[in-house]
Every structure is written in C-alpha cells, then in structure tokens.
C-alpha cells in the first residue's frame, strides 16, 4: 500500500491548530496516516500540543445577527456568510442579515440550532415577508446582487416560558443566545444577558455544556485517554497515571461546563454561584437551560 501523501497545507493546518513545530506535525501526520484529528491526539499525548485550538475552522466573512422579541421570551440568531469583508459590511447585506434573523425569530418551527449550509432543508422555508419566495431564493438573490457566494450557514432559536438572553459582539463576528428558566422578571433577564456575554467571551474556554450531564461521553473519554498517555509518557506507572487522570478530569469539568466556570466579570464567583444568587434575589428557581454560541468561521 502506498504511503499517505502529507502536503505542506496539511502540516500548516496542524501547526495552526496545535502550535507544534513543523517536523513534529509532519511526523504526527505520517504516523496518523494523514488523519488530522488523530495527529492532534498524538501530539497532545506526547505533551507537544496542549489542545486543539479550534476544529473545523472556515475562512468566511459576513454577519452574525441576533433578534429578540419585545417580551424577551424568544430570541434568534443567524450566521449569513459572504466572501469578503467589504460585502459583509455593506449596508444592504447588514440589512438582509437583520431581516433573516427576524424571519427565524418568528419561525416557530425552529427550536435550537439548525445547520443550513448550501443544501440545507431550511432553505425551502417560505420567506416571511413574501410567501411566494423561499429563504433559499432570498439567499440566491443576495448572491446575484453582490457577485459573491452568499450562504446562510446556520440559525438558532429559543422560545421560553422564562426568558432568553442574548449578546452580540460589536463587530458582528460573535453572538450567543441563552435560555433562563424559572422566571421572566428583570433579574432573570439580567442573568440571561450576563450568561450570554460570558459564553461569548469564552473564558477560560468556550463552554461545552451547561453542566456535567451535558458533556458528551465521547469527549471525556478522548480527553481521559490523552491524559493517561501524557502521564505514562512522563514516566508515571499506569496505576498512578489513572489516578492522576481522574483529578485532571475533575478540573476539566470545571473549565468546560458553564456553571463551573469563573464569571468573566468577577472571577471570584462561578456562573453557578451567579445563578444561585440571582435566584435568591428574584425569589424564583432560576436556572440556565441551554445556550448556543456562534463565532464567525467556527462550527
């Protein structure tokens, strides 16, 4: 069987995602048969790379826009992509992005995150402002007008009996919507805004889930295998490596679960503690149910 051809582009992408040296990246790719994710795991196990900086990065421009209903019970978010920043900042493109977010916000069929892309089923949805057209028609018309490929990459919508907070970064490149249950008053609305802002900041890392129960088991198993391999690589016996790993897994949960993270506005308080304090102030059982984060060029 012929050896897998490792290109300079493959090496460059692995370097960008791990920060490892060129030769380390080339060797890892060769050992992994060209599989980028497997190469990342190999580098992490050897302690050469701390983590994957970001998987599935895409070079794209455009707008991320949020929409919120007047009573704060519904929020929506869309990512509309184009090829250049010039078009992405164009007034007409920005206006279309806002119209698209309002359309999704009023579409009760959308619950949670929907990936659209070039061939997504959502493109067949009738356009709210003109039922004779579809969302796909509107996107195609924008592409024809701008002379660039325009794509509705993804949409998200939460409708809540409580409240939905949102945060949109000033440059239109990142946004979050977060659902708060248990109340809909001013304290709940403020909590929703704080949570959305925190998730958008991605500090100390982008939250994977609200709490431990929401973290995919396969994610933890992958990290556990890497932690054990790192400890063994450093010379620790297998039994000791396993015990060390459980401590690292516990620390990992505090870093990747929203409720365990230190609040970006006050790192002496976790988001979980902020939620409890807000619930006490409101006299209501406030809780974070779910969130979705969009950042331009990331999935």
Foldseek 3Di string as FASTA:
>chain_A
DDQQDDDPVLLVQLCVQFVADSVLSVVLCRVVSNDSVSSQLVCLLQVRGVGGNAPQFFDWAAFKDKDADPLQQKMKIWGKTWHDNVLRPDPVRVVVRHLVNVQVRPDPVFAFKDFAWDHRPQQQCQRPVHRVHGNVRVQVVSCVVVVTRMIGGMMTMHGHPAGKEKDAPPVRFKMKIWDKDWHHDPLLRVLNPQLRVQQRVQVVHRAPEQAPVNHDPVVLVSQLVSQLSNCVSVPDDSVVSNVVSVVVSVVVRLNRHQQSAQRPVGSVHGSVRVQVVSCVVVVTNMDTDTMDMGGPRHD
